[in-house]
Amino acid sequence: MKLDLKLYRGYVNEEELVVFGHLFESWAPDKYSIDKRGIRHAYAILHKFRIKPLSNFKVRLQFKNLDITTKTMEDGYFRFTVPYDADLEPGWHEYVVTCKMYDFGMIEKGELLKPFPSKLGVISDIDDTFLISHSRSFFKKLYVMLSKNINKRMVFDDVVKHYQRLSSAGQDSEKASNSFFYVSSSEWNLYDFISEFSNLHDLPKAVIKLKKIKTGLRDFITSGRGNHDHKFIKIKDIISFYPHLQYVLLGDDSQHDPFLYERICKTFPMNIKAVYVRQTTHKQKKKVQRVMANLESMNVHTCYFRNSEKAIMHSEREGLI
């Protein structure tokens, strides 16, 4: 039996630390190169869903003075949520997770975020918010995913400029930045793709939160679809973890983001500064317009936009950047 660890970016506040990942009985999804063309690229993407998670297996976290052990869930997922009140400089910090089977051991290094002092946090969807994905068209989305590697996938015009300005807003140092979180209905299978794509396009480095991992080619067909309540839970967890921040939420109107963000604003009436929704069709949707008007009545700044240039102008006008 082979072992393979996949670690994701964790985060910490003044009282608690959260680190999470997956353990596999086979190669992790990121072991299949996505920098390929044609059939080889499609094969690599499909391989991301041909995985065997390892359940109820012991994993060990080491970070500074912490040395903690837990076991994986049924789907190979593990999460360390532990008390942590030691002094820690703002920024990204390295942690280590290890596991061992017989005489074979594995060690992987991950990163966790201690936010820089700021008043602003940014939570963004991914597909059709900054990554052009064609989520409204099921077959076109699958075609693009299977036919184009990260070097061929595109971001919307000016979206990187908007995100970078949100990242640096209110900071007086090039090193410091506001905290970013990317929350999507894509599965953990695609984490490596999303992380590399973000790096390639100079999007702000972020904690990435995705949907439950899938373990078969049949599951690939439904990638990114189905119930979106997990996004509400993940966003709620982020805001609850950093309750003193004001948040900017960014999404699109191709699926459920406007209605999800309305629920978030009603749940956290003091925490949401602004909501941005990208228009993905030629005409604005009346249901989305009603949601945005309702959010305005709750003293949340809103912008329903087709082009990121409009979103940037709105952020400037409202003093966000």
C-alpha atoms as a PDB file:
ATOM      1  CA  MET A   1       0.000   0.000   0.000  1.00  0.00           C
ATOM      2  CA  LYS A   2       1.191   3.512  -0.868  1.00  0.00           C
ATOM      3  CA  LEU A   3       0.672   6.573   1.284  1.00  0.00           C
ATOM      4  CA  ASP A   4       0.292  10.113   0.075  1.00  0.00           C
ATOM      5  CA  LEU A   5      -0.445  13.309   1.994  1.00  0.00           C
ATOM      6  CA  LYS A   6      -2.059  16.464   0.653  1.00  0.00           C
ATOM      7  CA  LEU A   7      -1.970  19.530   2.899  1.00  0.00           C
ATOM      8  CA  TYR A   8      -3.934  22.745   2.497  1.00  0.00           C
ATOM      9  CA  ARG A   9      -3.328  26.246   3.806  1.00  0.00           C
ATOM     10  CA  GLY A  10      -4.440  26.546   7.416  1.00  0.00           C
ATOM     11  CA  TYR A  11      -5.076  29.560   9.636  1.00  0.00           C
ATOM     12  CA  VAL A  12      -4.719  30.745  13.217  1.00  0.00           C
ATOM     13  CA  ASN A  13      -6.096  33.492  15.456  1.00  0.00           C
ATOM     14  CA  GLU A  14      -5.200  34.515  19.004  1.00  0.00           C
ATOM     15  CA  GLU A  15      -6.821  31.425  20.553  1.00  0.00           C
ATOM     16  CA  GLU A  16      -7.029  28.601  18.036  1.00  0.00           C
ATOM     17  CA  LEU A  17      -5.217  26.965  15.137  1.00  0.00           C
ATOM     18  CA  VAL A  18      -6.779  25.077  12.222  1.00  0.00           C
ATOM     19  CA  VAL A  19      -4.868  22.764   9.854  1.00  0.00           C
ATOM     20  CA  PHE A  20      -6.449  20.292   7.431  1.00  0.00           C
ATOM     21  CA  GLY A  21      -5.645  17.912   4.578  1.00  0.00           C
ATOM     22  CA  HIS A  22      -6.242  14.482   3.063  1.00  0.00           C
ATOM     23  CA  LEU A  23      -4.465  11.136   3.306  1.00  0.00           C
ATOM     24  CA  PHE A  24      -4.557   8.777   0.332  1.00  0.00           C
ATOM     25  CA  GLU A  25      -3.952   5.085  -0.174  1.00  0.00           C
ATOM     26  CA  SER A  26      -2.724   5.976  -3.658  1.00  0.00           C
ATOM     27  CA  TRP A  27      -1.250   9.038  -5.355  1.00  0.00           C
ATOM     28  CA  ALA A  28      -2.778  12.337  -4.294  1.00  0.00           C
ATOM     29  CA  PRO A  29      -4.617  14.323  -7.011  1.00  0.00           C
ATOM     30  CA  ASP A  30      -1.706  16.740  -7.426  1.00  0.00           C
ATOM     31  CA  LYS A  31       0.695  13.974  -8.465  1.00  0.00           C
ATOM     32  CA  TYR A  32      -0.776  13.965 -11.967  1.00  0.00           C
ATOM     33  CA  SER A  33       0.721  16.894 -13.871  1.00  0.00           C
ATOM     34  CA  ILE A  34      -1.778  19.395 -15.205  1.00  0.00           C
ATOM     35  CA  ASP A  35       0.732  21.127 -17.452  1.00  0.00           C
ATOM     36  CA  LYS A  36      -0.106  18.948 -20.465  1.00  0.00           C
ATOM     37  CA  ARG A  37      -1.971  19.298 -23.752  1.00  0.00           C
ATOM     38  CA  GLY A  38      -4.810  17.513 -25.508  1.00  0.00           C
ATOM     39  CA  ILE A  39      -5.547  13.933 -24.501  1.00  0.00           C
ATOM     40  CA  ARG A  40      -2.690  13.897 -21.984  1.00  0.00           C
ATOM     41  CA  HIS A  41      -4.152  16.892 -20.178  1.00  0.00           C
ATOM     42  CA  ALA A  42      -7.677  15.394 -20.154  1.00  0.00           C
ATOM     43  CA  TYR A  43      -6.237  12.139 -18.803  1.00  0.00           C
ATOM     44  CA  ALA A  44      -4.395  14.057 -16.063  1.00  0.00           C
ATOM     45  CA  ILE A  45      -7.578  15.873 -14.986  1.00  0.00           C
ATOM     46  CA  LEU A  46      -9.580  12.632 -14.917  1.00  0.00           C
ATOM     47  CA  HIS A  47      -6.854  11.031 -12.818  1.00  0.00           C
ATOM     48  CA  LYS A  48      -7.521  13.636 -10.142  1.00  0.00           C
ATOM     49  CA  PHE A  49     -10.795  11.820  -9.471  1.00  0.00           C
ATOM     50  CA  ARG A  50      -9.317   8.292  -9.473  1.00  0.00           C
ATOM     51  CA  ILE A  51      -8.117   8.345  -5.880  1.00  0.00           C
ATOM     52  CA  LYS A  52      -8.385   6.127  -2.806  1.00  0.00           C
ATOM     53  CA  PRO A  53      -8.640   8.051   0.489  1.00  0.00           C
ATOM     54  CA  LEU A  54      -7.408   6.296   3.622  1.00  0.00           C
ATOM     55  CA  SER A  55      -9.831   6.377   6.574  1.00  0.00           C
ATOM     56  CA  ASN A  56      -9.205   6.178  10.333  1.00  0.00           C
ATOM     57  CA  PHE A  57      -5.445   6.495   9.893  1.00  0.00           C
ATOM     58  CA  LYS A  58      -3.204   8.288  12.361  1.00  0.00           C
ATOM     59  CA  VAL A  59      -1.630  11.610  11.335  1.00  0.00           C
ATOM     60  CA  ARG A  60       0.617  13.877  13.394  1.00  0.00           C
ATOM     61  CA  LEU A  61       0.867  17.681  13.371  1.00  0.00           C
ATOM     62  CA  GLN A  62       3.990  19.523  14.481  1.00  0.00           C
ATOM     63  CA  PHE A  63       4.065  23.309  14.705  1.00  0.00           C
ATOM     64  CA  LYS A  64       6.244  25.351  17.066  1.00  0.00           C
ATOM     65  CA  ASN A  65       5.472  23.858  20.497  1.00  0.00           C
ATOM     66  CA  LEU A  66       2.536  21.782  19.244  1.00  0.00           C
ATOM     67  CA  ASP A  67       2.774  18.020  18.707  1.00  0.00           C
ATOM     68  CA  ILE A  68      -0.730  16.619  18.162  1.00  0.00           C
ATOM     69  CA  THR A  69      -2.112  13.374  16.737  1.00  0.00           C
ATOM     70  CA  THR A  70      -5.521  12.675  15.219  1.00  0.00           C
ATOM     71  CA  LYS A  71      -7.064  10.221  12.727  1.00  0.00           C
ATOM     72  CA  THR A  72      -8.544  10.675   9.272  1.00  0.00           C
ATOM     73  CA  MET A  73     -12.261  10.689   8.523  1.00  0.00           C
ATOM     74  CA  GLU A  74     -14.007   8.186   6.262  1.00  0.00           C
ATOM     75  CA  ASP A  75     -13.074  10.178   3.149  1.00  0.00           C
ATOM     76  CA  GLY A  76      -9.414  10.550   4.176  1.00  0.00           C
ATOM     77  CA  TYR A  77      -9.955  14.112   5.376  1.00  0.00           C
ATOM     78  CA  PHE A  78      -8.335  15.237   8.608  1.00  0.00           C
ATOM     79  CA  ARG A  79      -8.599  18.478  10.521  1.00  0.00           C
ATOM     80  CA  PHE A  80      -6.683  19.715  13.541  1.00  0.00           C
ATOM     81  CA  THR A  81      -8.626  22.340  15.495  1.00  0.00           C
ATOM     82  CA  VAL A  82      -6.523  23.005  18.584  1.00  0.00           C
ATOM     83  CA  PRO A  83      -6.096  25.739  21.227  1.00  0.00           C
ATOM     84  CA  TYR A  84      -3.164  28.024  20.444  1.00  0.00           C
ATOM     85  CA  ASP A  85      -2.395  31.304  22.208  1.00  0.00           C
ATOM     86  CA  ALA A  86       1.373  31.626  21.722  1.00  0.00           C
ATOM     87  CA  ASP A  87       2.813  34.795  20.221  1.00  0.00           C
ATOM     88  CA  LEU A  88       3.085  34.474  16.455  1.00  0.00           C
ATOM     89  CA  GLU A  89       4.191  37.048  13.902  1.00  0.00           C
ATOM     90  CA  PRO A  90       1.644  37.950  11.197  1.00  0.00           C
ATOM     91  CA  GLY A  91       2.118  36.245   7.848  1.00  0.00           C
ATOM     92  CA  TRP A  92       2.504  32.713   6.517  1.00  0.00           C
ATOM     93  CA  HIS A  93       4.131  30.020   8.675  1.00  0.00           C
ATOM     94  CA  GLU A  94       5.277  26.492   7.898  1.00  0.00           C
ATOM     95  CA  TYR A  95       3.821  23.447   9.655  1.00  0.00           C
ATOM     96  CA  VAL A  96       4.572  19.723   9.290  1.00  0.00           C
ATOM     97  CA  VAL A  97       2.265  16.700   9.132  1.00  0.00           C
ATOM     98  CA  THR A  98       3.597  13.135   9.235  1.00  0.00           C
ATOM     99  CA  CYS A  99       2.155   9.640   9.090  1.00  0.00           C
ATOM    100  CA  LYS A 100       3.656   6.174   9.236  1.00  0.00           C
ATOM    101  CA  MET A 101       2.740   2.673   8.082  1.00  0.00           C
ATOM    102  CA  TYR A 102       5.038  -0.167   9.171  1.00  0.00           C
ATOM    103  CA  ASP A 103       8.539   1.058   8.290  1.00  0.00           C
ATOM    104  CA  PHE A 104       7.333   3.550   5.716  1.00  0.00           C
ATOM    105  CA  GLY A 105       6.749   7.134   6.769  1.00  0.00           C
ATOM    106  CA  MET A 106       5.668  10.340   5.073  1.00  0.00           C
ATOM    107  CA  ILE A 107       6.333  13.948   5.921  1.00  0.00           C
ATOM    108  CA  GLU A 108       4.775  16.979   4.223  1.00  0.00           C
ATOM    109  CA  LYS A 109       5.103  20.699   4.876  1.00  0.00           C
ATOM    110  CA  GLY A 110       2.172  23.094   4.650  1.00  0.00           C
ATOM    111  CA  GLU A 111       1.463  26.753   5.400  1.00  0.00           C
ATOM    112  CA  LEU A 112      -0.883  28.524   7.756  1.00  0.00           C
ATOM    113  CA  LEU A 113      -1.933  32.162   7.929  1.00  0.00           C
ATOM    114  CA  LYS A 114      -1.738  34.540  10.858  1.00  0.00           C
ATOM    115  CA  PRO A 115      -3.514  37.643   9.452  1.00  0.00           C
ATOM    116  CA  PHE A 116      -1.759  40.972   9.393  1.00  0.00           C
ATOM    117  CA  PRO A 117      -3.490  43.666  11.446  1.00  0.00           C
ATOM    118  CA  SER A 118      -6.302  45.024   9.303  1.00  0.00           C
ATOM    119  CA  LYS A 119      -9.980  45.833   9.287  1.00  0.00           C
ATOM    120  CA  LEU A 120     -10.763  44.058   6.024  1.00  0.00           C
ATOM    121  CA  GLY A 121     -11.075  40.411   4.982  1.00  0.00           C
ATOM    122  CA  VAL A 122     -11.969  39.241   1.474  1.00  0.00           C
ATOM    123  CA  ILE A 123     -13.974  36.101   0.660  1.00  0.00           C
ATOM    124  CA  SER A 124     -14.273  35.215  -3.015  1.00  0.00           C
ATOM    125  CA  ASP A 125     -15.880  32.521  -5.101  1.00  0.00           C
ATOM    126  CA  ILE A 126     -13.695  31.087  -7.905  1.00  0.00           C
ATOM    127  CA  ASP A 127     -15.555  29.816 -10.985  1.00  0.00           C
ATOM    128  CA  ASP A 128     -16.873  32.716 -13.092  1.00  0.00           C
ATOM    129  CA  THR A 129     -15.914  35.158 -10.344  1.00  0.00           C
ATOM    130  CA  PHE A 130     -12.232  35.389 -11.291  1.00  0.00           C
ATOM    131  CA  LEU A 131     -11.665  32.152 -13.277  1.00  0.00           C
ATOM    132  CA  ILE A 132     -13.634  32.004 -16.550  1.00  0.00           C
ATOM    133  CA  SER A 133     -15.404  28.630 -16.271  1.00  0.00           C
ATOM    134  CA  HIS A 134     -18.739  28.807 -18.152  1.00  0.00           C
ATOM    135  CA  SER A 135     -20.608  27.376 -15.155  1.00  0.00           C
ATOM    136  CA  ARG A 136     -23.982  28.138 -16.751  1.00  0.00           C
ATOM    137  CA  SER A 137     -23.265  25.593 -19.509  1.00  0.00           C
ATOM    138  CA  PHE A 138     -22.648  22.113 -18.100  1.00  0.00           C
ATOM    139  CA  PHE A 139     -21.051  20.645 -21.233  1.00  0.00           C
ATOM    140  CA  LYS A 140     -18.977  23.733 -22.048  1.00  0.00           C
ATOM    141  CA  LYS A 141     -17.589  23.789 -18.516  1.00  0.00           C
ATOM    142  CA  LEU A 142     -16.526  20.126 -18.801  1.00  0.00           C
ATOM    143  CA  TYR A 143     -15.034  20.727 -22.250  1.00  0.00           C
ATOM    144  CA  VAL A 144     -12.963  23.687 -21.037  1.00  0.00           C
ATOM    145  CA  MET A 145     -11.794  21.784 -17.950  1.00  0.00           C
ATOM    146  CA  LEU A 146     -10.652  18.787 -20.019  1.00  0.00           C
ATOM    147  CA  SER A 147      -9.171  20.664 -22.972  1.00  0.00           C
ATOM    148  CA  LYS A 148      -7.302  23.597 -21.403  1.00  0.00           C
ATOM    149  CA  ASN A 149      -4.517  23.476 -18.827  1.00  0.00           C
ATOM    150  CA  ILE A 150      -3.820  26.355 -16.463  1.00  0.00           C
ATOM    151  CA  ASN A 151      -1.660  28.147 -19.035  1.00  0.00           C
ATOM    152  CA  LYS A 152      -4.699  28.406 -21.332  1.00  0.00           C
ATOM    153  CA  ARG A 153      -7.374  29.208 -18.737  1.00  0.00           C
ATOM    154  CA  MET A 154      -8.228  32.886 -18.367  1.00  0.00           C
ATOM    155  CA  VAL A 155      -9.171  35.423 -15.708  1.00  0.00           C
ATOM    156  CA  PHE A 156     -11.598  38.270 -16.344  1.00  0.00           C
ATOM    157  CA  ASP A 157     -10.118  41.616 -17.407  1.00  0.00           C
ATOM    158  CA  ASP A 158      -8.979  43.797 -14.469  1.00  0.00           C
ATOM    159  CA  VAL A 159      -9.997  41.223 -11.841  1.00  0.00           C
ATOM    160  CA  VAL A 160      -6.385  40.784 -10.704  1.00  0.00           C
ATOM    161  CA  LYS A 161      -6.005  44.560 -10.392  1.00  0.00           C
ATOM    162  CA  HIS A 162      -9.152  44.717  -8.239  1.00  0.00           C
ATOM    163  CA  TYR A 163      -8.057  41.857  -5.968  1.00  0.00           C
ATOM    164  CA  GLN A 164      -4.538  43.211  -5.558  1.00  0.00           C
ATOM    165  CA  ARG A 165      -5.877  46.613  -4.557  1.00  0.00           C
ATOM    166  CA  LEU A 166      -8.266  44.993  -2.066  1.00  0.00           C
ATOM    167  CA  SER A 167      -5.295  43.043  -0.721  1.00  0.00           C
ATOM    168  CA  SER A 168      -3.173  46.143  -0.087  1.00  0.00           C
ATOM    169  CA  ALA A 169      -5.989  48.484   1.026  1.00  0.00           C
ATOM    170  CA  GLY A 170      -5.206  50.169   4.337  1.00  0.00           C
ATOM    171  CA  GLN A 171      -1.773  48.533   4.660  1.00  0.00           C
ATOM    172  CA  ASP A 172       1.330  50.688   5.089  1.00  0.00           C
ATOM    173  CA  SER A 173       3.860  47.998   4.214  1.00  0.00           C
ATOM    174  CA  GLU A 174       4.546  45.994   1.040  1.00  0.00           C
ATOM    175  CA  LYS A 175       4.890  42.873   3.164  1.00  0.00           C
ATOM    176  CA  ALA A 176       1.505  43.265   4.870  1.00  0.00           C
ATOM    177  CA  SER A 177      -1.790  42.419   3.180  1.00  0.00           C
ATOM    178  CA  ASN A 178      -5.447  41.868   3.942  1.00  0.00           C
ATOM    179  CA  SER A 179      -6.517  38.243   4.356  1.00  0.00           C
ATOM    180  CA  PHE A 180      -8.072  36.436   1.383  1.00  0.00           C
ATOM    181  CA  PHE A 181     -10.208  33.286   1.362  1.00  0.00           C
ATOM    182  CA  TYR A 182     -11.308  31.474  -1.803  1.00  0.00           C
ATOM    183  CA  VAL A 183     -14.448  29.389  -1.202  1.00  0.00           C
ATOM    184  CA  SER A 184     -15.859  27.291  -4.030  1.00  0.00           C
ATOM    185  CA  SER A 185     -18.159  24.400  -4.916  1.00  0.00           C
ATOM    186  CA  SER A 186     -15.269  22.757  -6.742  1.00  0.00           C
ATOM    187  CA  GLU A 187     -13.978  19.659  -4.951  1.00  0.00           C
ATOM    188  CA  TRP A 188     -10.712  19.208  -3.073  1.00  0.00           C
ATOM    189  CA  ASN A 189      -9.561  17.151  -6.082  1.00  0.00           C
ATOM    190  CA  LEU A 190      -8.969  20.467  -7.897  1.00  0.00           C
ATOM    191  CA  TYR A 191      -7.094  22.257  -5.100  1.00  0.00           C
ATOM    192  CA  ASP A 192      -3.736  22.047  -6.854  1.00  0.00           C
ATOM    193  CA  PHE A 193      -5.225  23.401 -10.094  1.00  0.00           C
ATOM    194  CA  ILE A 194      -6.792  26.383  -8.292  1.00  0.00           C
ATOM    195  CA  SER A 195      -3.671  27.134  -6.261  1.00  0.00           C
ATOM    196  CA  GLU A 196      -1.373  27.036  -9.300  1.00  0.00           C
ATOM    197  CA  PHE A 197      -3.777  29.099 -11.393  1.00  0.00           C
ATOM    198  CA  SER A 198      -3.946  31.769  -8.673  1.00  0.00           C
ATOM    199  CA  ASN A 199      -0.161  31.903  -8.454  1.00  0.00           C
ATOM    200  CA  LEU A 200       0.228  32.090 -12.226  1.00  0.00           C
ATOM    201  CA  HIS A 201      -2.031  35.147 -12.452  1.00  0.00           C
ATOM    202  CA  ASP A 202      -0.652  36.929  -9.357  1.00  0.00           C
ATOM    203  CA  LEU A 203      -3.931  36.731  -7.458  1.00  0.00           C
ATOM    204  CA  PRO A 204      -3.560  37.313  -3.696  1.00  0.00           C
ATOM    205  CA  LYS A 205      -2.383  34.281  -1.773  1.00  0.00           C
ATOM    206  CA  ALA A 206      -5.389  32.834   0.024  1.00  0.00           C
ATOM    207  CA  VAL A 207      -6.713  30.132   2.286  1.00  0.00           C
ATOM    208  CA  ILE A 208      -8.712  27.884  -0.079  1.00  0.00           C
ATOM    209  CA  LYS A 209     -11.865  26.065   1.073  1.00  0.00           C
ATOM    210  CA  LEU A 210     -13.472  23.536  -1.282  1.00  0.00           C
ATOM    211  CA  LYS A 211     -16.161  20.852  -1.369  1.00  0.00           C
ATOM    212  CA  LYS A 212     -15.920  17.253  -0.144  1.00  0.00           C
ATOM    213  CA  ILE A 213     -13.467  15.204  -2.172  1.00  0.00           C
ATOM    214  CA  LYS A 214     -14.754  12.857  -4.884  1.00  0.00           C
ATOM    215  CA  THR A 215     -13.327   9.432  -5.558  1.00  0.00           C
ATOM    216  CA  GLY A 216     -14.461   8.234  -8.976  1.00  0.00           C
ATOM    217  CA  LEU A 217     -14.828   9.188 -12.631  1.00  0.00           C
ATOM    218  CA  ARG A 218     -18.603   9.072 -12.298  1.00  0.00           C
ATOM    219  CA  ASP A 219     -18.291  11.806  -9.658  1.00  0.00           C
ATOM    220  CA  PHE A 220     -16.252  13.927 -12.075  1.00  0.00           C
ATOM    221  CA  ILE A 221     -19.318  14.470 -14.255  1.00  0.00           C
ATOM    222  CA  THR A 222     -21.066  16.282 -11.387  1.00  0.00           C
ATOM    223  CA  SER A 223     -18.017  18.321 -10.348  1.00  0.00           C
ATOM    224  CA  GLY A 224     -19.005  21.729  -8.942  1.00  0.00           C
ATOM    225  CA  ARG A 225     -22.719  20.936  -8.995  1.00  0.00           C
ATOM    226  CA  GLY A 226     -25.276  19.970  -6.351  1.00  0.00           C
ATOM    227  CA  ASN A 227     -25.990  21.520  -2.974  1.00  0.00           C
ATOM    228  CA  HIS A 228     -24.077  24.692  -2.098  1.00  0.00           C
ATOM    229  CA  ASP A 229     -24.819  24.755   1.656  1.00  0.00           C
ATOM    230  CA  HIS A 230     -21.218  23.761   2.328  1.00  0.00           C
ATOM    231  CA  LYS A 231     -20.183  27.233   1.100  1.00  0.00           C
ATOM    232  CA  PHE A 232     -22.463  28.884   3.642  1.00  0.00           C
ATOM    233  CA  ILE A 233     -20.945  26.751   6.411  1.00  0.00           C
ATOM    234  CA  LYS A 234     -17.361  27.477   5.328  1.00  0.00           C
ATOM    235  CA  ILE A 235     -17.953  31.233   5.027  1.00  0.00           C
ATOM    236  CA  LYS A 236     -19.741  31.247   8.386  1.00  0.00           C
ATOM    237  CA  ASP A 237     -16.743  29.466   9.938  1.00  0.00           C
ATOM    238  CA  ILE A 238     -14.295  32.014   8.517  1.00  0.00           C
ATOM    239  CA  ILE A 239     -16.249  35.022   9.780  1.00  0.00           C
ATOM    240  CA  SER A 240     -16.775  33.379  13.180  1.00  0.00           C
ATOM    241  CA  PHE A 241     -13.034  32.673  13.391  1.00  0.00           C
ATOM    242  CA  TYR A 242     -12.137  36.316  12.656  1.00  0.00           C
ATOM    243  CA  PRO A 243     -15.209  38.158  14.011  1.00  0.00           C
ATOM    244  CA  HIS A 244     -13.538  41.556  14.310  1.00  0.00           C
ATOM    245  CA  LEU A 245     -13.005  41.937  10.563  1.00  0.00           C
ATOM    246  CA  GLN A 246     -15.236  43.657   8.044  1.00  0.00           C
ATOM    247  CA  TYR A 247     -15.637  41.473   4.957  1.00  0.00           C
ATOM    248  CA  VAL A 248     -15.961  41.992   1.231  1.00  0.00           C
ATOM    249  CA  LEU A 249     -17.776  39.115  -0.510  1.00  0.00           C
ATOM    250  CA  LEU A 250     -17.222  38.497  -4.233  1.00  0.00           C
ATOM    251  CA  GLY A 251     -19.214  36.083  -6.386  1.00  0.00           C
ATOM    252  CA  ASP A 252     -21.196  35.770  -9.603  1.00  0.00           C
ATOM    253  CA  ASP A 253     -24.778  35.250 -10.726  1.00  0.00           C
ATOM    254  CA  SER A 254     -24.257  31.938 -12.573  1.00  0.00           C
ATOM    255  CA  GLN A 255     -25.416  29.856  -9.592  1.00  0.00           C
ATOM    256  CA  HIS A 256     -26.319  30.681  -5.983  1.00  0.00           C
ATOM    257  CA  ASP A 257     -23.793  33.266  -4.752  1.00  0.00           C
ATOM    258  CA  PRO A 258     -26.200  36.245  -4.415  1.00  0.00           C
ATOM    259  CA  PHE A 259     -28.677  34.267  -2.309  1.00  0.00           C
ATOM    260  CA  LEU A 260     -25.905  32.665  -0.267  1.00  0.00           C
ATOM    261  CA  TYR A 261     -24.375  36.068   0.439  1.00  0.00           C
ATOM    262  CA  GLU A 262     -27.774  37.432   1.446  1.00  0.00           C
ATOM    263  CA  ARG A 263     -27.981  34.681   4.089  1.00  0.00           C
ATOM    264  CA  ILE A 264     -24.483  35.556   5.282  1.00  0.00           C
ATOM    265  CA  CYS A 265     -25.372  39.251   5.601  1.00  0.00           C
ATOM    266  CA  LYS A 266     -28.488  38.389   7.608  1.00  0.00           C
ATOM    267  CA  THR A 267     -26.461  36.068   9.868  1.00  0.00           C
ATOM    268  CA  PHE A 268     -23.627  38.580  10.404  1.00  0.00           C
ATOM    269  CA  PRO A 269     -25.339  41.998  10.268  1.00  0.00           C
ATOM    270  CA  MET A 270     -22.239  43.853  11.520  1.00  0.00           C
ATOM    271  CA  ASN A 271     -19.510  42.103   9.519  1.00  0.00           C
ATOM    272  CA  ILE A 272     -20.226  42.537   5.805  1.00  0.00           C
ATOM    273  CA  LYS A 273     -18.948  45.748   4.262  1.00  0.00           C
ATOM    274  CA  ALA A 274     -19.709  45.066   0.601  1.00  0.00           C
ATOM    275  CA  VAL A 275     -21.006  42.409  -1.787  1.00  0.00           C
ATOM    276  CA  TYR A 276     -19.840  42.185  -5.400  1.00  0.00           C
ATOM    277  CA  VAL A 277     -21.666  39.982  -7.926  1.00  0.00           C
ATOM    278  CA  ARG A 278     -20.365  39.465 -11.453  1.00  0.00           C
ATOM    279  CA  GLN A 279     -22.988  39.456 -14.212  1.00  0.00           C
ATOM    280  CA  THR A 280     -22.452  36.384 -16.440  1.00  0.00           C
ATOM    281  CA  THR A 281     -25.242  36.959 -18.975  1.00  0.00           C
ATOM    282  CA  HIS A 282     -26.084  39.839 -21.315  1.00  0.00           C
ATOM    283  CA  LYS A 283     -28.834  41.084 -18.995  1.00  0.00           C
ATOM    284  CA  GLN A 284     -28.907  41.437 -15.236  1.00  0.00           C
ATOM    285  CA  LYS A 285     -31.155  38.968 -13.463  1.00  0.00           C
ATOM    286  CA  LYS A 286     -34.167  40.487 -11.713  1.00  0.00           C
ATOM    287  CA  LYS A 287     -33.909  38.079  -8.774  1.00  0.00           C
ATOM    288  CA  VAL A 288     -30.320  39.159  -8.218  1.00  0.00           C
ATOM    289  CA  GLN A 289     -31.269  42.829  -8.516  1.00  0.00           C
ATOM    290  CA  ARG A 290     -33.854  42.311  -5.747  1.00  0.00           C
ATOM    291  CA  VAL A 291     -31.258  40.640  -3.528  1.00  0.00           C
ATOM    292  CA  MET A 292     -28.802  43.488  -4.037  1.00  0.00           C
ATOM    293  CA  ALA A 293     -31.478  46.085  -3.271  1.00  0.00           C
ATOM    294  CA  ASN A 294     -32.317  44.212  -0.086  1.00  0.00           C
ATOM    295  CA  LEU A 295     -28.651  44.190   0.943  1.00  0.00           C
ATOM    296  CA  GLU A 296     -28.451  47.946   0.352  1.00  0.00           C
ATOM    297  CA  SER A 297     -31.382  48.346   2.758  1.00  0.00           C
ATOM    298  CA  MET A 298     -29.207  46.517   5.323  1.00  0.00           C
ATOM    299  CA  ASN A 299     -26.392  49.090   4.896  1.00  0.00           C
ATOM    300  CA  VAL A 300     -24.244  46.736   2.803  1.00  0.00           C
ATOM    301  CA  HIS A 301     -22.539  48.325  -0.213  1.00  0.00           C
ATOM    302  CA  THR A 302     -23.349  46.381  -3.382  1.00  0.00           C
ATOM    303  CA  CYS A 303     -22.128  46.252  -6.964  1.00  0.00           C
ATOM    304  CA  TYR A 304     -23.701  44.119  -9.703  1.00  0.00           C
ATOM    305  CA  PHE A 305     -21.170  44.393 -12.518  1.00  0.00           C
ATOM    306  CA  ARG A 306     -20.246  42.961 -15.894  1.00  0.00           C
ATOM    307  CA  ASN A 307     -16.676  44.274 -15.998  1.00  0.00           C
ATOM    308  CA  SER A 308     -14.229  44.509 -13.115  1.00  0.00           C
ATOM    309  CA  GLU A 309     -13.476  48.121 -14.047  1.00  0.00           C
ATOM    310  CA  LYS A 310     -16.926  49.011 -12.697  1.00  0.00           C
ATOM    311  CA  ALA A 311     -16.196  47.064  -9.502  1.00  0.00           C
ATOM    312  CA  ILE A 312     -12.905  48.925  -9.043  1.00  0.00           C
ATOM    313  CA  MET A 313     -14.626  52.296  -9.457  1.00  0.00           C
ATOM    314  CA  HIS A 314     -17.240  51.236  -6.891  1.00  0.00           C
ATOM    315  CA  SER A 315     -14.525  50.178  -4.406  1.00  0.00           C
ATOM    316  CA  GLU A 316     -12.804  53.537  -4.853  1.00  0.00           C
ATOM    317  CA  ARG A 317     -16.068  55.449  -4.399  1.00  0.00           C
ATOM    318  CA  GLU A 318     -16.926  53.551  -1.196  1.00  0.00           C
ATOM    319  CA  GLY A 319     -13.418  53.998   0.243  1.00  0.00           C
ATOM    320  CA  LEU A 320     -12.555  50.293   0.202  1.00  0.00           C
ATOM    321  CA  ILE A 321      -9.413  50.828  -1.854  1.00  0.00           C
END
